[in-house]
Protein backbone atom coordinates (compact mmCIF):
# COMPACT_ATOMS: atom_id res chain seq x y z
CA UNK A 1 -88.31 5.53 123.93
CA UNK A 2 -89.91 2.89 126.09
CA UNK A 3 -90.65 0.47 123.47
CA UNK A 4 -87.24 0.45 121.64
CA UNK A 5 -85.88 -3.09 120.88
CA UNK A 6 -83.01 -2.87 118.62
CA UNK A 7 -81.63 -1.21 115.50
CA UNK A 8 -82.60 -4.11 113.25
CA UNK A 9 -79.66 -4.18 110.92
CA UNK A 10 -79.22 -7.86 112.31
CA UNK A 11 -81.91 -9.77 113.75
CA UNK A 12 -82.46 -13.08 115.22
CA UNK A 13 -84.36 -15.92 112.98
CA UNK A 14 -84.95 -19.38 113.05
CA UNK A 15 -83.20 -20.91 110.20
CA UNK A 16 -85.61 -22.61 107.73
CA UNK A 17 -82.56 -24.72 106.43
CA UNK A 18 -78.66 -24.86 107.32
CA UNK A 19 -76.68 -21.85 106.21
CA UNK A 20 -73.05 -21.14 106.73
CA UNK A 21 -71.78 -17.58 107.49
CA UNK A 22 -72.51 -15.43 104.14
CA UNK A 23 -75.38 -17.29 102.68
CA UNK A 24 -78.89 -16.00 102.32
CA UNK A 25 -82.30 -17.41 103.71
CA UNK A 26 -85.87 -16.56 103.41
CA UNK A 27 -87.78 -16.89 106.51
CA UNK A 28 -91.31 -16.27 105.47
CA UNK A 29 -91.26 -12.84 104.00
CA UNK A 30 -87.87 -11.86 105.64
CA UNK A 31 -84.76 -12.28 103.72
CA UNK A 32 -81.49 -12.21 105.62
CA UNK A 33 -77.68 -13.14 105.56
CA UNK A 34 -76.24 -15.45 108.04
CA UNK A 35 -73.79 -13.72 110.02
CA UNK A 36 -72.44 -17.08 111.30
CA UNK A 37 -72.86 -20.73 110.52
CA UNK A 38 -76.56 -21.73 111.76
CA UNK A 39 -78.25 -25.28 111.90
CA UNK A 40 -81.63 -26.02 110.34
CA UNK A 41 -84.19 -25.11 112.87
CA UNK A 42 -81.59 -23.15 115.06
CA UNK A 43 -81.75 -19.46 115.97
CA UNK A 44 -79.14 -17.51 114.52
CA UNK A 45 -78.12 -14.00 113.47
CA UNK A 46 -79.24 -12.67 110.06
CA UNK A 47 -78.08 -9.35 108.47
CA UNK A 48 -80.98 -7.55 107.16
CA UNK A 49 -79.39 -4.56 105.38
CA UNK A 50 -76.08 -3.54 103.78
CA UNK A 51 -74.15 -4.46 100.72
CA UNK A 52 -73.15 -8.12 100.35
CA UNK A 53 -72.18 -10.63 97.60
CA UNK A 54 -74.31 -13.50 97.30
CA UNK A 55 -73.97 -16.72 95.28
CA UNK A 56 -76.10 -16.49 91.94
CA UNK A 57 -77.36 -18.53 88.90
CA UNK A 58 -76.23 -17.80 85.47
CA UNK A 59 -78.22 -14.48 85.64
CA UNK A 60 -76.49 -11.53 84.37
CA UNK A 61 -77.15 -7.86 86.31
CA UNK A 62 -76.55 -4.24 85.67
CA UNK A 63 -76.50 -1.30 88.20
CA UNK A 64 -79.81 -1.11 89.91
CA UNK A 65 -81.40 -4.13 88.46
CA UNK A 66 -83.60 -6.18 90.77
CA UNK A 67 -82.35 -9.37 92.37
CA UNK A 68 -84.70 -12.06 93.42
CA UNK A 69 -84.17 -14.98 95.63
CA UNK A 70 -84.50 -18.44 94.24
CA UNK A 71 -85.57 -20.36 97.47
CA UNK A 72 -85.20 -23.83 95.70
CA UNK A 73 -81.71 -23.41 94.52
CA UNK A 74 -80.80 -21.10 97.41
CA UNK A 75 -79.22 -18.57 95.16
CA UNK A 76 -79.65 -14.91 93.82
CA UNK A 77 -81.54 -14.82 90.39
CA UNK A 78 -82.85 -12.16 87.83
CA UNK A 79 -85.80 -14.65 87.07
CA UNK A 80 -89.02 -12.96 88.75
CA UNK A 81 -91.58 -16.17 88.66
CA UNK A 82 -92.33 -17.16 92.44
CA UNK A 83 -89.14 -15.67 93.32
CA UNK A 84 -88.95 -12.84 96.03
CA UNK A 85 -87.34 -9.57 95.61
CA UNK A 86 -84.29 -9.22 97.89
CA UNK A 87 -82.53 -6.09 96.81
CA UNK A 88 -80.86 -4.33 93.85
CA UNK A 89 -77.66 -4.96 92.05
CA UNK A 90 -74.49 -2.90 92.67
CA UNK A 91 -72.11 -3.30 89.76
CA UNK A 92 -69.34 -0.67 91.19
CA UNK A 93 -67.20 -1.53 94.08
CA UNK A 94 -66.09 1.45 96.33
CA UNK A 95 -62.97 1.79 94.46
CA UNK A 96 -64.61 2.55 91.34
CA UNK A 97 -63.93 -0.98 89.87
CA UNK A 98 -66.29 -3.50 88.62
CA UNK A 99 -68.08 -5.62 90.92
CA UNK A 100 -69.00 -9.44 89.99
CA UNK A 101 -72.34 -10.37 88.66
CA UNK A 102 -72.53 -8.76 85.24
CA UNK A 103 -71.46 -11.81 83.46
CA UNK A 104 -73.15 -15.17 83.09
CA UNK A 105 -69.90 -17.11 84.50
CA UNK A 106 -69.67 -14.61 87.76
CA UNK A 107 -70.16 -16.92 90.77
CA UNK A 108 -71.59 -13.99 92.98
CA UNK A 109 -73.62 -10.85 92.65
CA UNK A 110 -73.22 -7.73 94.52
CA UNK A 111 -76.42 -6.20 95.81
CA UNK A 112 -77.96 -3.99 98.46
CA UNK A 113 -80.17 -6.18 100.55
CA UNK A 114 -83.28 -4.74 101.61
CA UNK A 115 -84.35 -7.39 104.30
CA UNK A 116 -88.09 -7.52 104.18
CA UNK A 117 -89.93 -9.04 101.14
CA UNK A 118 -93.42 -7.39 101.09
CA UNK A 119 -94.29 -8.49 97.54
CA UNK A 120 -96.06 -11.88 96.88
């Protein structure tokens, strides 16, 4: 195909704020997870789809529940409001044990990210 550019699992984006590897960022309506450390305003590689653990607020999640991005606190949340959908919670690890995110005190939530936020 002559117009093929790339698969799109990881893309280059200009970071709207400094991110370390593994932290999420909302760039317009695109959500990605920094593959490496990237400075504010610098171009970096962001993972667009897959299963990741992200820092979260005190929210609790169940399998398949929607996960939103709080762009003020820079964490995953279950709070809708003005926050953008970034994926769905995945509460079971590949070995069948429970993943983090179901409890208020869990620091992270495991989720399947979807990359592009199309809803307002």
